[in-house]
Amino acid sequence: DESKRVVIHYRVDRTGRILSPSIEETSGDNLLDQSALRAVIVSGPFPPLPEGYPDSTLGVHFGFKCEL
């Protein structure tokens, strides 16, 4: 069994909007990388950040693993 992993980094602003999504770690497979990036982009917007959250954005590192 072989697996490939890609990590997407993005920020979420106070309103839940996704900012600056990018491929942080490539899987070596352009189609998988672009599919993971697209999955993050179309998943937004998220719910707003909690009122007590101290920063204006939240950084996220999201990993996708593909089992072949």
N, C-alpha and C. Protein backbone atom coordinates (compact mmCIF):
# COMPACT_ATOMS: atom_id res chain seq x y z
N ASP A 1 0.83 -1.19 0.00
CA ASP A 1 0.00 0.00 0.00
C ASP A 1 0.87 1.25 0.00
N GLU A 2 0.49 2.20 -0.82
CA GLU A 2 1.21 3.46 -0.90
C GLU A 2 0.25 4.58 -0.51
N SER A 3 0.79 5.60 0.13
CA SER A 3 -0.05 6.75 0.45
C SER A 3 0.72 8.03 0.12
N LYS A 4 -0.03 9.07 -0.17
CA LYS A 4 0.53 10.39 -0.43
C LYS A 4 -0.18 11.37 0.48
N ARG A 5 0.56 12.41 0.90
CA ARG A 5 0.00 13.39 1.83
C ARG A 5 0.32 14.78 1.33
N VAL A 6 -0.64 15.67 1.42
CA VAL A 6 -0.46 17.08 1.09
C VAL A 6 -0.97 17.90 2.27
N VAL A 7 -0.29 19.00 2.57
CA VAL A 7 -0.71 19.89 3.65
C VAL A 7 -1.04 21.25 3.04
N ILE A 8 -2.22 21.74 3.36
CA ILE A 8 -2.68 23.05 2.92
C ILE A 8 -2.66 24.00 4.12
N HIS A 9 -2.10 25.18 3.92
CA HIS A 9 -2.11 26.20 4.97
C HIS A 9 -3.02 27.33 4.54
N TYR A 10 -3.81 27.83 5.50
CA TYR A 10 -4.66 28.99 5.23
C TYR A 10 -4.96 29.70 6.54
N ARG A 11 -5.52 30.88 6.43
CA ARG A 11 -5.94 31.63 7.61
C ARG A 11 -7.45 31.83 7.52
N VAL A 12 -8.08 31.93 8.66
CA VAL A 12 -9.52 32.21 8.74
C VAL A 12 -9.66 33.54 9.47
N ASP A 13 -10.40 34.48 8.85
CA ASP A 13 -10.58 35.78 9.51
C ASP A 13 -11.77 35.71 10.48
N ARG A 14 -11.99 36.80 11.18
CA ARG A 14 -13.05 36.83 12.22
C ARG A 14 -14.43 36.46 11.68
N THR A 15 -14.68 36.75 10.41
CA THR A 15 -16.00 36.46 9.84
C THR A 15 -16.12 35.02 9.33
N GLY A 16 -15.00 34.27 9.35
CA GLY A 16 -15.01 32.89 8.87
C GLY A 16 -14.51 32.73 7.45
N ARG A 17 -14.09 33.84 6.83
CA ARG A 17 -13.58 33.79 5.47
C ARG A 17 -12.20 33.15 5.41
N ILE A 18 -11.95 32.33 4.39
CA ILE A 18 -10.65 31.71 4.18
C ILE A 18 -9.74 32.70 3.46
N LEU A 19 -8.53 32.88 4.02
CA LEU A 19 -7.56 33.80 3.44
C LEU A 19 -6.29 33.06 3.03
N SER A 20 -5.77 33.37 1.89
CA SER A 20 -4.45 32.92 1.42
C SER A 20 -4.22 31.41 1.50
N PRO A 21 -5.12 30.59 0.96
CA PRO A 21 -4.85 29.15 0.98
C PRO A 21 -3.68 28.83 0.05
N SER A 22 -2.78 27.96 0.52
CA SER A 22 -1.63 27.58 -0.30
C SER A 22 -1.17 26.17 0.07
N ILE A 23 -0.44 25.57 -0.83
CA ILE A 23 0.11 24.23 -0.59
C ILE A 23 1.37 24.42 0.24
N GLU A 24 1.34 23.91 1.46
CA GLU A 24 2.48 24.04 2.36
C GLU A 24 3.46 22.89 2.17
N GLU A 25 2.93 21.68 2.00
CA GLU A 25 3.75 20.49 1.73
C GLU A 25 3.12 19.75 0.57
N THR A 26 3.87 19.59 -0.50
CA THR A 26 3.34 18.91 -1.67
C THR A 26 3.40 17.39 -1.50
N SER A 27 2.49 16.72 -2.16
CA SER A 27 2.49 15.26 -2.17
C SER A 27 3.38 14.74 -3.29
N GLY A 28 3.77 15.63 -4.19
CA GLY A 28 4.50 15.21 -5.38
C GLY A 28 3.58 14.89 -6.54
N ASP A 29 2.29 14.95 -6.28
CA ASP A 29 1.28 14.67 -7.31
C ASP A 29 0.46 15.95 -7.50
N ASN A 30 0.66 16.63 -8.62
CA ASN A 30 0.01 17.92 -8.84
C ASN A 30 -1.52 17.83 -8.77
N LEU A 31 -2.10 16.76 -9.31
CA LEU A 31 -3.55 16.61 -9.29
C LEU A 31 -4.07 16.49 -7.85
N LEU A 32 -3.40 15.70 -7.02
CA LEU A 32 -3.79 15.57 -5.62
C LEU A 32 -3.63 16.90 -4.90
N ASP A 33 -2.51 17.58 -5.12
CA ASP A 33 -2.27 18.88 -4.47
C ASP A 33 -3.36 19.88 -4.82
N GLN A 34 -3.67 20.00 -6.10
CA GLN A 34 -4.67 20.96 -6.54
C GLN A 34 -6.08 20.58 -6.05
N SER A 35 -6.36 19.29 -5.97
CA SER A 35 -7.66 18.83 -5.46
C SER A 35 -7.81 19.18 -3.98
N ALA A 36 -6.75 19.01 -3.21
CA ALA A 36 -6.78 19.35 -1.79
C ALA A 36 -6.95 20.86 -1.60
N LEU A 37 -6.24 21.63 -2.40
CA LEU A 37 -6.36 23.09 -2.31
C LEU A 37 -7.78 23.53 -2.65
N ARG A 38 -8.34 22.95 -3.70
CA ARG A 38 -9.72 23.28 -4.10
C ARG A 38 -10.72 22.87 -3.02
N ALA A 39 -10.50 21.73 -2.38
CA ALA A 39 -11.40 21.28 -1.31
C ALA A 39 -11.45 22.29 -0.17
N VAL A 40 -10.30 22.86 0.18
CA VAL A 40 -10.27 23.88 1.23
C VAL A 40 -11.01 25.13 0.77
N ILE A 41 -10.74 25.57 -0.45
CA ILE A 41 -11.35 26.80 -0.96
C ILE A 41 -12.87 26.70 -0.97
N VAL A 42 -13.42 25.60 -1.45
CA VAL A 42 -14.88 25.48 -1.55
C VAL A 42 -15.55 25.17 -0.21
N SER A 43 -14.76 24.84 0.82
CA SER A 43 -15.36 24.54 2.13
C SER A 43 -15.76 25.79 2.90
N GLY A 44 -15.26 26.95 2.48
CA GLY A 44 -15.57 28.19 3.19
C GLY A 44 -16.86 28.80 2.72
N PRO A 45 -17.36 29.76 3.44
CA PRO A 45 -16.79 30.28 4.67
C PRO A 45 -17.14 29.39 5.87
N PHE A 46 -16.31 29.51 6.88
CA PHE A 46 -16.54 28.81 8.15
C PHE A 46 -17.35 29.70 9.08
N PRO A 47 -17.82 29.16 10.20
CA PRO A 47 -18.49 30.02 11.18
C PRO A 47 -17.50 31.08 11.69
N PRO A 48 -18.00 32.21 12.16
CA PRO A 48 -17.11 33.25 12.69
C PRO A 48 -16.27 32.73 13.86
N LEU A 49 -15.11 33.34 14.05
CA LEU A 49 -14.28 33.00 15.20
C LEU A 49 -15.02 33.40 16.48
N PRO A 50 -14.80 32.69 17.57
CA PRO A 50 -15.46 33.05 18.83
C PRO A 50 -15.11 34.47 19.27
N GLU A 51 -16.03 35.14 19.93
CA GLU A 51 -15.81 36.52 20.38
C GLU A 51 -14.58 36.66 21.25
N GLY A 52 -14.29 35.67 22.07
CA GLY A 52 -13.15 35.74 22.98
C GLY A 52 -11.81 35.41 22.33
N TYR A 53 -11.80 35.02 21.05
CA TYR A 53 -10.54 34.68 20.39
C TYR A 53 -9.70 35.95 20.27
N PRO A 54 -8.43 35.92 20.73
CA PRO A 54 -7.66 37.16 20.85
C PRO A 54 -7.09 37.74 19.56
N ASP A 55 -6.95 36.94 18.51
CA ASP A 55 -6.30 37.43 17.28
C ASP A 55 -7.34 37.72 16.20
N SER A 56 -6.90 38.43 15.16
CA SER A 56 -7.82 38.77 14.07
C SER A 56 -7.97 37.63 13.07
N THR A 57 -7.02 36.68 13.06
CA THR A 57 -7.11 35.52 12.18
C THR A 57 -6.63 34.28 12.91
N LEU A 58 -7.01 33.12 12.38
CA LEU A 58 -6.59 31.83 12.91
C LEU A 58 -5.86 31.09 11.81
N GLY A 59 -4.63 30.65 12.07
CA GLY A 59 -3.86 29.87 11.09
C GLY A 59 -4.21 28.40 11.17
N VAL A 60 -4.36 27.77 10.02
CA VAL A 60 -4.73 26.35 9.96
C VAL A 60 -3.77 25.63 9.03
N HIS A 61 -3.32 24.45 9.46
CA HIS A 61 -2.53 23.53 8.64
C HIS A 61 -3.38 22.28 8.52
N PHE A 62 -3.88 21.99 7.31
CA PHE A 62 -4.81 20.89 7.13
C PHE A 62 -4.17 19.85 6.22
N GLY A 63 -4.04 18.62 6.72
CA GLY A 63 -3.42 17.55 5.94
C GLY A 63 -4.45 16.64 5.29
N PHE A 64 -4.18 16.28 4.06
CA PHE A 64 -4.99 15.32 3.31
C PHE A 64 -4.09 14.12 3.02
N LYS A 65 -4.59 12.92 3.26
CA LYS A 65 -3.84 11.70 2.98
C LYS A 65 -4.62 10.86 1.99
N CYS A 66 -3.96 10.44 0.94
CA CYS A 66 -4.58 9.63 -0.09
C CYS A 66 -3.95 8.25 -0.07
N GLU A 67 -4.77 7.24 0.19
CA GLU A 67 -4.30 5.84 0.19
C GLU A 67 -4.47 5.30 -1.22
N LEU A 68 -3.39 4.76 -1.78
CA LEU A 68 -3.43 4.22 -3.14
C LEU A 68 -3.43 2.69 -3.11
